[in-house]
Each structure stands twice: as C-alpha cells, then as structure tokens.
C-alpha cells in the first residue's frame, strides 16, 4: 500500500445530515451516533468486527420516520468504503462466513466487484416488534444492506440458516457482513484481483 485507505464522506439533505469516516486498516475503533440506539449497536458491529475504524454521526428527521436516517447512513458508509478501497490493488476481494449468535445462524458472502447486487434472505419472525427507543423496525435491516451494497459497489449475499430471536438475527447479519468485509478488504497480494485489470 502506498497511501492510507481512509475516506471521509458527508451527505446533507432536507431529511438528514450525515458524517462518516472510515479507516480500512484500523483496529475496530467505532463511534456511532445516529439517534437510534439499536441501529448504533448494529452499525458499530461493522467497525468492531470488520477491523475498520468507523465514525458515524447522523441527525435525521426521526420524528417523521427512522427510514431516512437508516438509508442515508447506509449510503454514506458505503460511499466511504468504496472511496477508501481506491483502485483495490492487492485486496483479497472475496469474503464469506457462517456466523452463529446463539440460536441464530447467518451465512454471508460478498465480492468487492464494483457491481452492486444483493440477495437478502433473512426473514425475521412475523411477530417481531421494533427494537430500542426510538424504535428500529427490523425490516429496515434489508434496506440498510441494499443501500450499503449499492453505494459501496458490492455483490452481497445474506441468508438466514436458523434463528428465532429478532435481535440475534439482525446482529448476526451485521457481524457476518463485517467479518466477510474484513477478509475481502485485506491486502495480501499485488495487482487488481480481476482478469479485467479493473474492479
């Protein structure tokens, strides 16, 4: 590596104000403040278990809905990851894991392909209630990963193998993505890992 893989991104709309900083070669130091404690807990998993220093500060129209804040945080974190990756020279590119959290078991596979695509097969129990205060709708998990994968340029597959507890299912999903991302961004070779010479 010839330069630090660090990026800072911001997003300002009528609905949200987002600031994100990522260091792909950090130690997992996280600082996340979105006004949604449960969501903060989930996003923090990306940094801590991804070995990525991650700072996220978000202010959104939570009095209207949590959707805007969750979506915009995902977009900006994805943009920062993509920018920090640079030309992706020497990265492993692929990552996958089967991650357990008590009764929940989640399978994650990803490719830093530059081609956004997501398969999300994570069905939370039909009687799942919102989590935390202000409440986080479990259905927003899918929207987060869709927005994150799109802005980061990642092909991402997340499948629930087993699970009954909504908190465990979501947390296993975030931890699984973090661990797969940790492997994929690791630099252990030379050149861009593609026959095209570009990702």
N, C-alpha and C. Protein backbone atom coordinates (compact mmCIF):
# COMPACT_ATOMS: atom_id res chain seq x y z
N UNK A 1 0.84 -1.19 0.00
CA UNK A 1 0.00 0.00 0.00
C UNK A 1 0.87 1.24 0.00
N UNK A 2 0.52 2.19 -0.84
CA UNK A 2 1.29 3.42 -0.93
C UNK A 2 0.61 4.58 -0.23
N UNK A 3 -0.64 4.44 0.12
CA UNK A 3 -1.35 5.53 0.78
C UNK A 3 -2.37 4.95 1.76
N UNK A 4 -2.73 5.70 2.80
CA UNK A 4 -3.71 5.22 3.78
C UNK A 4 -5.06 4.98 3.11
N UNK A 5 -5.72 3.93 3.51
CA UNK A 5 -7.05 3.64 2.96
C UNK A 5 -8.10 4.23 3.90
N UNK A 6 -8.18 5.55 3.81
CA UNK A 6 -9.06 6.33 4.69
C UNK A 6 -9.96 7.20 3.81
N UNK A 7 -11.21 7.34 4.22
CA UNK A 7 -12.12 8.22 3.48
C UNK A 7 -13.08 8.90 4.44
N UNK A 8 -13.43 10.12 4.12
CA UNK A 8 -14.43 10.88 4.87
C UNK A 8 -15.50 11.34 3.89
N UNK A 9 -16.74 11.07 4.23
CA UNK A 9 -17.85 11.45 3.35
C UNK A 9 -18.95 12.12 4.17
N UNK A 10 -19.68 13.01 3.50
CA UNK A 10 -20.82 13.67 4.14
C UNK A 10 -22.00 13.65 3.19
N UNK A 11 -23.18 13.81 3.78
CA UNK A 11 -24.41 13.90 2.99
C UNK A 11 -25.35 14.85 3.72
N UNK A 12 -25.87 15.81 3.00
CA UNK A 12 -26.78 16.79 3.59
C UNK A 12 -28.02 16.91 2.73
N UNK A 13 -29.17 16.57 3.31
CA UNK A 13 -30.44 16.69 2.60
C UNK A 13 -31.44 17.39 3.52
N UNK A 14 -32.66 17.55 3.05
CA UNK A 14 -33.70 18.13 3.89
C UNK A 14 -34.13 17.17 4.99
N UNK A 15 -33.70 15.89 4.87
CA UNK A 15 -34.11 14.87 5.83
C UNK A 15 -33.00 14.48 6.81
N UNK A 16 -31.74 14.56 6.36
CA UNK A 16 -30.65 14.10 7.22
C UNK A 16 -29.37 14.90 7.02
N UNK A 17 -28.50 14.83 8.03
CA UNK A 17 -27.13 15.33 7.96
C UNK A 17 -26.24 14.18 8.44
N UNK A 18 -25.37 13.71 7.55
CA UNK A 18 -24.56 12.53 7.86
C UNK A 18 -23.08 12.84 7.68
N UNK A 19 -22.26 12.41 8.63
CA UNK A 19 -20.80 12.49 8.52
C UNK A 19 -20.23 11.10 8.82
N UNK A 20 -19.35 10.63 7.94
CA UNK A 20 -18.76 9.29 8.10
C UNK A 20 -17.27 9.35 7.82
N UNK A 21 -16.50 8.64 8.64
CA UNK A 21 -15.08 8.46 8.39
C UNK A 21 -14.74 6.99 8.56
N UNK A 22 -14.02 6.42 7.61
CA UNK A 22 -13.59 5.02 7.71
C UNK A 22 -12.09 4.92 7.48
N UNK A 23 -11.49 4.01 8.20
CA UNK A 23 -10.09 3.64 8.01
C UNK A 23 -10.06 2.12 7.89
N UNK A 24 -9.86 1.63 6.67
CA UNK A 24 -9.92 0.19 6.43
C UNK A 24 -8.80 -0.58 7.12
N UNK A 25 -7.75 0.12 7.50
CA UNK A 25 -6.62 -0.54 8.15
C UNK A 25 -6.54 -0.16 9.63
N UNK A 26 -7.69 0.09 10.21
CA UNK A 26 -7.76 0.44 11.62
C UNK A 26 -7.76 -0.78 12.51
N UNK A 27 -8.25 -0.58 13.73
CA UNK A 27 -8.27 -1.65 14.72
C UNK A 27 -9.68 -1.94 15.24
N UNK A 28 -10.68 -1.40 14.58
CA UNK A 28 -12.05 -1.64 15.00
C UNK A 28 -12.59 -0.64 15.99
N UNK A 29 -11.96 0.53 16.07
CA UNK A 29 -12.45 1.59 16.95
C UNK A 29 -13.70 2.21 16.32
N UNK A 30 -14.78 2.26 17.05
CA UNK A 30 -16.03 2.77 16.49
C UNK A 30 -16.62 3.88 17.35
N UNK A 31 -17.28 4.79 16.67
CA UNK A 31 -18.04 5.86 17.31
C UNK A 31 -19.25 6.10 16.43
N UNK A 32 -20.41 5.66 16.89
CA UNK A 32 -21.62 5.76 16.08
C UNK A 32 -22.71 6.43 16.88
N UNK A 33 -23.28 7.49 16.32
CA UNK A 33 -24.35 8.24 16.98
C UNK A 33 -25.35 8.69 15.93
N UNK A 34 -26.47 7.97 15.86
CA UNK A 34 -27.49 8.28 14.86
C UNK A 34 -28.81 8.72 15.48
N UNK A 35 -28.89 8.67 16.80
CA UNK A 35 -30.16 8.95 17.45
C UNK A 35 -31.04 7.73 17.60
N UNK A 36 -30.56 6.57 17.08
CA UNK A 36 -31.27 5.30 17.17
C UNK A 36 -30.34 4.29 17.86
N UNK A 37 -30.47 4.11 19.16
CA UNK A 37 -29.52 3.28 19.90
C UNK A 37 -29.36 1.86 19.36
N UNK A 38 -30.44 1.21 18.97
CA UNK A 38 -30.30 -0.15 18.45
C UNK A 38 -29.54 -0.14 17.12
N UNK A 39 -29.84 0.81 16.28
CA UNK A 39 -29.14 0.94 15.00
C UNK A 39 -27.67 1.27 15.23
N UNK A 40 -27.38 2.13 16.21
CA UNK A 40 -25.98 2.42 16.57
C UNK A 40 -25.25 1.12 16.91
N UNK A 41 -25.90 0.27 17.68
CA UNK A 41 -25.33 -1.01 18.08
C UNK A 41 -25.03 -1.89 16.87
N UNK A 42 -25.93 -1.89 15.89
CA UNK A 42 -25.73 -2.70 14.68
C UNK A 42 -24.59 -2.14 13.82
N UNK A 43 -24.62 -0.84 13.56
CA UNK A 43 -23.59 -0.23 12.70
C UNK A 43 -22.21 -0.37 13.34
N UNK A 44 -22.16 -0.30 14.66
CA UNK A 44 -20.89 -0.47 15.36
C UNK A 44 -20.27 -1.83 15.09
N UNK A 45 -21.10 -2.83 14.83
CA UNK A 45 -20.58 -4.17 14.53
C UNK A 45 -19.72 -4.15 13.26
N UNK A 46 -20.09 -3.31 12.29
CA UNK A 46 -19.33 -3.24 11.04
C UNK A 46 -17.90 -2.82 11.29
N UNK A 47 -17.73 -1.86 12.19
CA UNK A 47 -16.38 -1.41 12.51
C UNK A 47 -15.65 -2.38 13.40
N UNK A 48 -16.28 -2.74 14.52
CA UNK A 48 -15.60 -3.58 15.51
C UNK A 48 -15.20 -4.92 14.94
N UNK A 49 -16.12 -5.61 14.29
CA UNK A 49 -15.83 -6.95 13.78
C UNK A 49 -15.23 -6.91 12.38
N UNK A 50 -15.30 -5.75 11.74
CA UNK A 50 -14.65 -5.60 10.45
C UNK A 50 -13.21 -5.14 10.56
N UNK A 51 -12.76 -4.83 11.79
CA UNK A 51 -11.41 -4.31 11.96
C UNK A 51 -11.21 -2.97 11.30
N UNK A 52 -12.31 -2.23 11.17
CA UNK A 52 -12.32 -0.93 10.49
C UNK A 52 -12.59 0.15 11.52
N UNK A 53 -11.77 1.19 11.55
CA UNK A 53 -12.10 2.35 12.38
C UNK A 53 -13.26 3.07 11.70
N UNK A 54 -14.33 3.26 12.44
CA UNK A 54 -15.56 3.80 11.84
C UNK A 54 -16.17 4.85 12.74
N UNK A 55 -16.39 6.03 12.18
CA UNK A 55 -17.09 7.10 12.89
C UNK A 55 -18.30 7.51 12.06
N UNK A 56 -19.45 7.51 12.71
CA UNK A 56 -20.70 7.90 12.05
C UNK A 56 -21.46 8.85 12.96
N UNK A 57 -21.76 10.03 12.46
CA UNK A 57 -22.61 10.97 13.18
C UNK A 57 -23.76 11.33 12.25
N UNK A 58 -24.98 11.11 12.72
CA UNK A 58 -26.15 11.36 11.87
C UNK A 58 -27.23 12.07 12.65
N UNK A 59 -27.85 13.02 11.99
CA UNK A 59 -29.02 13.70 12.54
C UNK A 59 -30.10 13.65 11.47
N UNK A 60 -31.22 13.02 11.82
CA UNK A 60 -32.28 12.87 10.83
C UNK A 60 -33.63 13.23 11.40
N UNK A 61 -34.63 13.20 10.52
CA UNK A 61 -36.00 13.55 10.91
C UNK A 61 -36.69 12.35 11.56
N UNK A 62 -36.18 11.94 12.72
CA UNK A 62 -36.72 10.77 13.40
C UNK A 62 -38.16 10.97 13.84
N UNK A 63 -38.60 12.21 13.95
CA UNK A 63 -39.99 12.48 14.30
C UNK A 63 -40.93 12.10 13.15
N UNK A 64 -40.36 12.00 11.93
CA UNK A 64 -41.16 11.58 10.77
C UNK A 64 -41.10 10.07 10.63
N UNK A 65 -39.84 9.54 10.60
CA UNK A 65 -39.64 8.10 10.41
C UNK A 65 -38.16 7.82 10.60
N UNK A 66 -37.83 6.58 10.88
CA UNK A 66 -36.42 6.19 11.00
C UNK A 66 -35.81 5.81 9.66
N UNK A 67 -36.65 5.61 8.68
CA UNK A 67 -36.21 5.13 7.36
C UNK A 67 -35.16 6.02 6.73
N UNK A 68 -35.37 7.33 6.76
CA UNK A 68 -34.44 8.26 6.10
C UNK A 68 -33.05 8.18 6.72
N UNK A 69 -32.99 8.13 8.04
CA UNK A 69 -31.69 8.07 8.72
C UNK A 69 -30.97 6.77 8.40
N UNK A 70 -31.67 5.65 8.47
CA UNK A 70 -31.05 4.35 8.19
C UNK A 70 -30.54 4.29 6.76
N UNK A 71 -31.35 4.72 5.82
CA UNK A 71 -30.97 4.69 4.41
C UNK A 71 -29.75 5.57 4.14
N UNK A 72 -29.78 6.80 4.65
CA UNK A 72 -28.69 7.73 4.34
C UNK A 72 -27.39 7.33 5.02
N UNK A 73 -27.45 6.77 6.22
CA UNK A 73 -26.24 6.26 6.85
C UNK A 73 -25.64 5.14 6.01
N UNK A 74 -26.49 4.24 5.52
CA UNK A 74 -26.02 3.14 4.68
C UNK A 74 -25.35 3.66 3.41
N UNK A 75 -25.95 4.65 2.79
CA UNK A 75 -25.40 5.23 1.56
C UNK A 75 -24.02 5.82 1.82
N UNK A 76 -23.90 6.60 2.88
CA UNK A 76 -22.65 7.31 3.13
C UNK A 76 -21.55 6.36 3.61
N UNK A 77 -21.89 5.39 4.44
CA UNK A 77 -20.89 4.39 4.85
C UNK A 77 -20.41 3.62 3.62
N UNK A 78 -21.33 3.25 2.74
CA UNK A 78 -20.95 2.55 1.52
C UNK A 78 -20.04 3.38 0.63
N UNK A 79 -20.38 4.66 0.48
CA UNK A 79 -19.53 5.55 -0.33
C UNK A 79 -18.13 5.67 0.25
N UNK A 80 -18.06 5.76 1.59
CA UNK A 80 -16.75 5.90 2.24
C UNK A 80 -15.91 4.64 2.06
N UNK A 81 -16.54 3.49 2.19
CA UNK A 81 -15.81 2.23 1.99
C UNK A 81 -15.29 2.14 0.56
N UNK A 82 -16.14 2.49 -0.39
CA UNK A 82 -15.73 2.42 -1.79
C UNK A 82 -14.56 3.38 -2.08
N UNK A 83 -14.64 4.59 -1.54
CA UNK A 83 -13.57 5.55 -1.75
C UNK A 83 -12.27 5.09 -1.10
N UNK A 84 -12.38 4.57 0.12
CA UNK A 84 -11.19 4.12 0.84
C UNK A 84 -10.50 2.95 0.14
N UNK A 85 -11.25 2.14 -0.57
CA UNK A 85 -10.67 1.00 -1.29
C UNK A 85 -9.79 1.43 -2.45
N UNK A 86 -10.01 2.63 -2.95
CA UNK A 86 -9.19 3.14 -4.06
C UNK A 86 -9.27 2.23 -5.27
N UNK A 87 -8.12 1.88 -5.85
CA UNK A 87 -8.12 1.03 -7.05
C UNK A 87 -8.18 -0.46 -6.71
N UNK A 88 -8.25 -0.79 -5.42
CA UNK A 88 -8.40 -2.17 -4.92
C UNK A 88 -7.20 -3.05 -5.22
N UNK A 89 -6.07 -2.44 -5.45
CA UNK A 89 -4.88 -3.22 -5.77
C UNK A 89 -4.46 -4.08 -4.58
N UNK A 90 -4.28 -5.37 -4.83
CA UNK A 90 -3.78 -6.29 -3.83
C UNK A 90 -4.81 -6.85 -2.86
N UNK A 91 -6.06 -6.39 -2.93
CA UNK A 91 -7.06 -6.88 -1.97
C UNK A 91 -7.43 -8.34 -2.25
N UNK A 92 -7.96 -8.99 -1.22
CA UNK A 92 -8.41 -10.37 -1.39
C UNK A 92 -9.69 -10.43 -2.22
N UNK A 93 -10.50 -9.40 -2.17
CA UNK A 93 -11.71 -9.19 -2.96
C UNK A 93 -12.91 -9.97 -2.43
N UNK A 94 -12.77 -11.23 -2.11
CA UNK A 94 -13.90 -12.05 -1.68
C UNK A 94 -13.84 -12.31 -0.18
N UNK A 95 -15.01 -12.48 0.42
CA UNK A 95 -15.09 -12.85 1.82
C UNK A 95 -16.39 -13.58 2.08
N UNK A 96 -16.34 -14.55 2.98
CA UNK A 96 -17.56 -15.28 3.33
C UNK A 96 -17.43 -15.86 4.73
N UNK A 97 -18.55 -16.10 5.35
CA UNK A 97 -18.55 -16.64 6.71
C UNK A 97 -19.92 -17.22 7.03
N UNK A 98 -19.93 -18.20 7.90
CA UNK A 98 -21.15 -18.72 8.50
C UNK A 98 -21.06 -18.32 9.97
N UNK A 99 -21.90 -17.36 10.38
CA UNK A 99 -21.73 -16.75 11.69
C UNK A 99 -22.88 -17.10 12.64
N UNK A 100 -22.56 -17.70 13.80
CA UNK A 100 -23.58 -18.02 14.79
C UNK A 100 -23.70 -16.95 15.86
N UNK A 101 -24.89 -16.75 16.34
CA UNK A 101 -25.14 -15.92 17.52
C UNK A 101 -26.29 -16.59 18.27
N UNK A 102 -25.93 -17.37 19.27
CA UNK A 102 -26.90 -18.19 19.99
C UNK A 102 -27.67 -19.07 19.01
N UNK A 103 -29.00 -18.94 18.95
CA UNK A 103 -29.78 -19.82 18.06
C UNK A 103 -29.77 -19.36 16.61
N UNK A 104 -29.29 -18.15 16.37
CA UNK A 104 -29.27 -17.60 15.01
C UNK A 104 -27.99 -18.01 14.28
N UNK A 105 -28.14 -18.34 13.01
CA UNK A 105 -27.00 -18.70 12.16
C UNK A 105 -27.20 -18.02 10.81
N UNK A 106 -26.26 -17.17 10.43
CA UNK A 106 -26.38 -16.38 9.21
C UNK A 106 -25.19 -16.65 8.30
N UNK A 107 -25.47 -16.84 7.03
CA UNK A 107 -24.44 -17.05 6.01
C UNK A 107 -24.26 -15.76 5.21
N UNK A 108 -23.02 -15.32 5.08
CA UNK A 108 -22.72 -14.10 4.32
C UNK A 108 -21.61 -14.39 3.32
N UNK A 109 -21.77 -13.94 2.10
CA UNK A 109 -20.70 -13.98 1.11
C UNK A 109 -20.74 -12.67 0.35
N UNK A 110 -19.54 -12.11 0.08
CA UNK A 110 -19.51 -10.85 -0.65
C UNK A 110 -18.31 -10.79 -1.59
N UNK A 111 -18.45 -9.92 -2.57
CA UNK A 111 -17.43 -9.70 -3.59
C UNK A 111 -17.32 -8.19 -3.81
N UNK A 112 -16.11 -7.66 -3.64
CA UNK A 112 -15.89 -6.23 -3.88
C UNK A 112 -15.72 -6.01 -5.37
N UNK A 113 -16.74 -6.36 -6.10
CA UNK A 113 -16.70 -6.46 -7.56
C UNK A 113 -16.87 -5.14 -8.28
N UNK A 114 -17.43 -4.14 -7.59
CA UNK A 114 -17.81 -2.91 -8.27
C UNK A 114 -19.18 -3.03 -8.92
N UNK A 115 -19.78 -4.22 -8.82
CA UNK A 115 -21.12 -4.45 -9.38
C UNK A 115 -22.12 -4.65 -8.24
N UNK A 116 -22.90 -3.64 -7.93
CA UNK A 116 -23.83 -3.75 -6.81
C UNK A 116 -24.92 -4.79 -7.08
N UNK A 117 -25.08 -5.70 -6.13
CA UNK A 117 -26.15 -6.70 -6.22
C UNK A 117 -26.34 -7.26 -4.83
N UNK A 118 -27.58 -7.53 -4.47
CA UNK A 118 -27.82 -8.11 -3.15
C UNK A 118 -28.87 -9.22 -3.22
N UNK A 119 -28.59 -10.28 -2.49
CA UNK A 119 -29.57 -11.32 -2.22
C UNK A 119 -29.74 -11.33 -0.71
N UNK A 120 -30.94 -11.04 -0.24
CA UNK A 120 -31.21 -10.93 1.19
C UNK A 120 -32.34 -11.89 1.54
N UNK A 121 -31.99 -12.99 2.14
CA UNK A 121 -32.98 -13.98 2.53
C UNK A 121 -32.93 -14.13 4.05
N UNK A 122 -33.40 -13.09 4.72
CA UNK A 122 -33.41 -13.04 6.18
C UNK A 122 -34.82 -12.69 6.61
N UNK A 123 -35.55 -13.70 7.02
CA UNK A 123 -36.93 -13.49 7.44
C UNK A 123 -36.99 -13.45 8.96
N UNK A 124 -37.30 -12.27 9.49
CA UNK A 124 -37.48 -12.16 10.92
C UNK A 124 -38.84 -12.75 11.31
N UNK A 125 -39.00 -13.22 12.53
CA UNK A 125 -40.29 -13.76 12.96
C UNK A 125 -41.42 -12.78 12.67
N UNK A 126 -42.58 -13.30 12.25
CA UNK A 126 -43.69 -12.41 11.86
C UNK A 126 -44.20 -11.53 13.00
N UNK A 127 -43.95 -11.95 14.24
CA UNK A 127 -44.41 -11.15 15.38
C UNK A 127 -43.31 -10.23 15.92
N UNK A 128 -42.28 -9.98 15.11
CA UNK A 128 -41.17 -9.14 15.56
C UNK A 128 -41.64 -7.72 15.85
N UNK A 129 -41.21 -7.21 17.00
CA UNK A 129 -41.54 -5.84 17.39
C UNK A 129 -40.35 -4.94 17.11
N UNK A 130 -40.59 -3.64 16.94
CA UNK A 130 -39.48 -2.70 16.80
C UNK A 130 -38.55 -2.78 18.00
N UNK A 131 -37.27 -2.48 17.77
CA UNK A 131 -36.25 -2.64 18.80
C UNK A 131 -35.69 -1.29 19.21
N UNK A 132 -35.58 -1.07 20.52
CA UNK A 132 -34.97 0.15 21.03
C UNK A 132 -35.93 1.32 21.09
N UNK A 133 -35.40 2.45 21.59
CA UNK A 133 -36.17 3.69 21.70
C UNK A 133 -35.30 4.87 21.30
N UNK A 134 -35.66 5.61 20.24
CA UNK A 134 -36.77 5.39 19.33
C UNK A 134 -36.68 4.02 18.65
N UNK A 135 -37.82 3.49 18.22
CA UNK A 135 -37.87 2.12 17.73
C UNK A 135 -37.22 1.94 16.35
N UNK A 136 -36.50 0.82 16.22
CA UNK A 136 -35.90 0.43 14.95
C UNK A 136 -36.73 -0.71 14.37
N UNK A 137 -37.27 -0.51 13.18
CA UNK A 137 -38.08 -1.53 12.51
C UNK A 137 -37.15 -2.60 11.94
N UNK A 138 -37.27 -3.88 12.33
CA UNK A 138 -36.39 -4.93 11.83
C UNK A 138 -36.36 -5.03 10.30
N UNK A 139 -37.44 -4.63 9.64
CA UNK A 139 -37.47 -4.68 8.18
C UNK A 139 -36.45 -3.73 7.55
N UNK A 140 -36.00 -2.75 8.31
CA UNK A 140 -35.02 -1.81 7.78
C UNK A 140 -33.63 -2.44 7.63
N UNK A 141 -33.43 -3.62 8.20
CA UNK A 141 -32.17 -4.32 8.01
C UNK A 141 -31.90 -4.57 6.53
N UNK A 142 -32.90 -5.05 5.83
CA UNK A 142 -32.75 -5.31 4.40
C UNK A 142 -32.45 -4.02 3.64
N UNK A 143 -33.15 -2.96 4.00
CA UNK A 143 -32.95 -1.70 3.28
C UNK A 143 -31.55 -1.14 3.54
N UNK A 144 -31.05 -1.31 4.75
CA UNK A 144 -29.69 -0.87 5.05
C UNK A 144 -28.70 -1.58 4.14
N UNK A 145 -28.77 -2.89 4.08
CA UNK A 145 -27.79 -3.63 3.30
C UNK A 145 -27.95 -3.40 1.80
N UNK A 146 -29.18 -3.19 1.34
CA UNK A 146 -29.39 -2.85 -0.07
C UNK A 146 -28.71 -1.53 -0.41
N UNK A 147 -28.90 -0.53 0.42
CA UNK A 147 -28.32 0.79 0.17
C UNK A 147 -26.80 0.77 0.33
N UNK A 148 -26.32 0.04 1.33
CA UNK A 148 -24.88 -0.07 1.57
C UNK A 148 -24.19 -0.76 0.39
N UNK A 149 -24.72 -1.89 -0.04
CA UNK A 149 -24.11 -2.64 -1.14
C UNK A 149 -24.13 -1.83 -2.44
N UNK A 150 -25.20 -1.11 -2.67
CA UNK A 150 -25.31 -0.32 -3.89
C UNK A 150 -24.26 0.79 -3.92
N UNK A 151 -24.15 1.54 -2.83
CA UNK A 151 -23.21 2.67 -2.83
C UNK A 151 -21.76 2.22 -2.72
N UNK A 152 -21.51 1.04 -2.12
CA UNK A 152 -20.15 0.54 -2.00
C UNK A 152 -19.71 -0.24 -3.23
N UNK A 153 -20.66 -0.63 -4.09
CA UNK A 153 -20.32 -1.43 -5.26
C UNK A 153 -19.98 -2.87 -4.89
N UNK A 154 -20.78 -3.44 -4.02
CA UNK A 154 -20.53 -4.79 -3.50
C UNK A 154 -21.62 -5.75 -3.97
N UNK A 155 -21.21 -6.95 -4.36
CA UNK A 155 -22.15 -8.05 -4.52
C UNK A 155 -22.26 -8.72 -3.16
N UNK A 156 -23.47 -8.78 -2.61
CA UNK A 156 -23.65 -9.21 -1.23
C UNK A 156 -24.79 -10.21 -1.12
N UNK A 157 -24.49 -11.36 -0.51
CA UNK A 157 -25.50 -12.38 -0.23
C UNK A 157 -25.59 -12.59 1.27
N UNK A 158 -26.80 -12.51 1.81
CA UNK A 158 -27.03 -12.74 3.24
C UNK A 158 -28.22 -13.70 3.35
N UNK A 159 -27.98 -14.83 4.01
CA UNK A 159 -29.04 -15.83 4.17
C UNK A 159 -29.13 -16.28 5.63
N UNK A 160 -30.34 -16.36 6.12
CA UNK A 160 -30.58 -16.86 7.46
C UNK A 160 -30.73 -18.37 7.40
N UNK A 161 -29.85 -19.07 8.11
CA UNK A 161 -29.92 -20.53 8.19
C UNK A 161 -30.86 -20.97 9.31
N UNK A 162 -30.81 -20.28 10.44
CA UNK A 162 -31.71 -20.58 11.55
C UNK A 162 -31.77 -19.37 12.46
N UNK A 163 -32.84 -19.29 13.26
CA UNK A 163 -32.96 -18.18 14.19
C UNK A 163 -34.40 -17.90 14.56
N UNK A 164 -34.60 -17.47 15.82
CA UNK A 164 -35.93 -17.13 16.31
C UNK A 164 -35.98 -15.74 16.92
N UNK A 165 -34.84 -15.29 17.45
CA UNK A 165 -34.80 -14.01 18.14
C UNK A 165 -34.39 -12.91 17.16
N UNK A 166 -35.25 -11.91 17.01
CA UNK A 166 -35.02 -10.86 16.02
C UNK A 166 -33.70 -10.12 16.25
N UNK A 167 -33.41 -9.80 17.50
CA UNK A 167 -32.15 -9.12 17.82
C UNK A 167 -30.96 -9.97 17.39
N UNK A 168 -30.98 -11.25 17.72
CA UNK A 168 -29.88 -12.14 17.35
C UNK A 168 -29.73 -12.26 15.84
N UNK A 169 -30.85 -12.35 15.13
CA UNK A 169 -30.81 -12.49 13.68
C UNK A 169 -30.17 -11.26 13.04
N UNK A 170 -30.61 -10.08 13.44
CA UNK A 170 -30.06 -8.85 12.86
C UNK A 170 -28.59 -8.68 13.24
N UNK A 171 -28.25 -8.93 14.50
CA UNK A 171 -26.87 -8.75 14.92
C UNK A 171 -25.94 -9.74 14.23
N UNK A 172 -26.40 -10.98 14.05
CA UNK A 172 -25.59 -11.96 13.32
C UNK A 172 -25.38 -11.52 11.88
N UNK A 173 -26.38 -10.88 11.29
CA UNK A 173 -26.25 -10.39 9.92
C UNK A 173 -25.20 -9.30 9.82
N UNK A 174 -25.24 -8.33 10.72
CA UNK A 174 -24.26 -7.25 10.70
C UNK A 174 -22.85 -7.76 11.01
N UNK A 175 -22.74 -8.65 11.99
CA UNK A 175 -21.43 -9.21 12.31
C UNK A 175 -20.89 -10.05 11.16
N UNK A 176 -21.79 -10.79 10.51
CA UNK A 176 -21.36 -11.60 9.38
C UNK A 176 -20.84 -10.76 8.23
N UNK A 177 -21.54 -9.68 7.91
CA UNK A 177 -21.07 -8.78 6.85
C UNK A 177 -19.73 -8.17 7.25
N UNK A 178 -19.60 -7.80 8.52
CA UNK A 178 -18.35 -7.20 8.99
C UNK A 178 -17.18 -8.16 8.83
N UNK A 179 -17.35 -9.40 9.24
CA UNK A 179 -16.26 -10.37 9.16
C UNK A 179 -15.90 -10.71 7.71
N UNK A 180 -16.91 -10.81 6.86
CA UNK A 180 -16.63 -11.07 5.44
C UNK A 180 -15.92 -9.89 4.81
N UNK A 181 -16.35 -8.67 5.18
CA UNK A 181 -15.71 -7.46 4.65
C UNK A 181 -14.27 -7.38 5.13
N UNK A 182 -14.03 -7.76 6.37
CA UNK A 182 -12.67 -7.74 6.94
C UNK A 182 -11.72 -8.59 6.09
N UNK A 183 -12.19 -9.76 5.68
CA UNK A 183 -11.37 -10.63 4.84
C UNK A 183 -11.18 -10.05 3.44
N UNK A 184 -12.27 -9.52 2.88
CA UNK A 184 -12.24 -9.07 1.49
C UNK A 184 -11.35 -7.85 1.27
N UNK A 185 -11.29 -6.94 2.25
CA UNK A 185 -10.50 -5.71 2.06
C UNK A 185 -9.02 -5.91 2.37
N UNK A 186 -8.69 -7.06 2.95
CA UNK A 186 -7.30 -7.31 3.35
C UNK A 186 -6.37 -7.30 2.13
N UNK A 187 -5.25 -6.66 2.27
CA UNK A 187 -4.26 -6.62 1.20
C UNK A 187 -3.26 -7.74 1.45
N UNK A 188 -3.21 -8.70 0.52
CA UNK A 188 -2.27 -9.81 0.67
C UNK A 188 -1.67 -10.24 -0.68
N UNK A 189 -1.81 -9.36 -1.68
CA UNK A 189 -1.27 -9.68 -2.99
C UNK A 189 -0.82 -8.44 -3.72
N UNK A 190 -0.64 -8.56 -5.01
CA UNK A 190 -0.28 -7.42 -5.85
C UNK A 190 -1.23 -7.38 -7.03
N UNK A 191 -1.40 -6.20 -7.56
CA UNK A 191 -2.28 -6.05 -8.71
C UNK A 191 -3.74 -6.12 -8.32
N UNK A 192 -4.60 -5.77 -9.26
CA UNK A 192 -6.04 -5.82 -9.05
C UNK A 192 -6.52 -7.25 -9.29
N UNK A 193 -7.24 -7.86 -8.34
CA UNK A 193 -7.65 -9.25 -8.48
C UNK A 193 -8.80 -9.46 -9.45
N UNK A 194 -8.53 -9.23 -10.72
CA UNK A 194 -9.53 -9.39 -11.78
C UNK A 194 -8.81 -9.59 -13.11
N UNK A 195 -9.33 -10.47 -13.94
CA UNK A 195 -8.76 -10.66 -15.27
C UNK A 195 -8.96 -9.43 -16.13
N UNK A 196 -9.91 -8.58 -15.75
CA UNK A 196 -10.12 -7.33 -16.49
C UNK A 196 -9.06 -6.29 -16.15
N UNK A 197 -8.43 -6.45 -14.99
CA UNK A 197 -7.45 -5.46 -14.54
C UNK A 197 -8.09 -4.26 -13.88
N UNK A 198 -9.42 -4.35 -13.62
CA UNK A 198 -10.15 -3.22 -13.04
C UNK A 198 -11.35 -3.76 -12.30
N UNK A 199 -11.60 -3.20 -11.11
CA UNK A 199 -12.78 -3.55 -10.34
C UNK A 199 -13.57 -2.27 -10.07
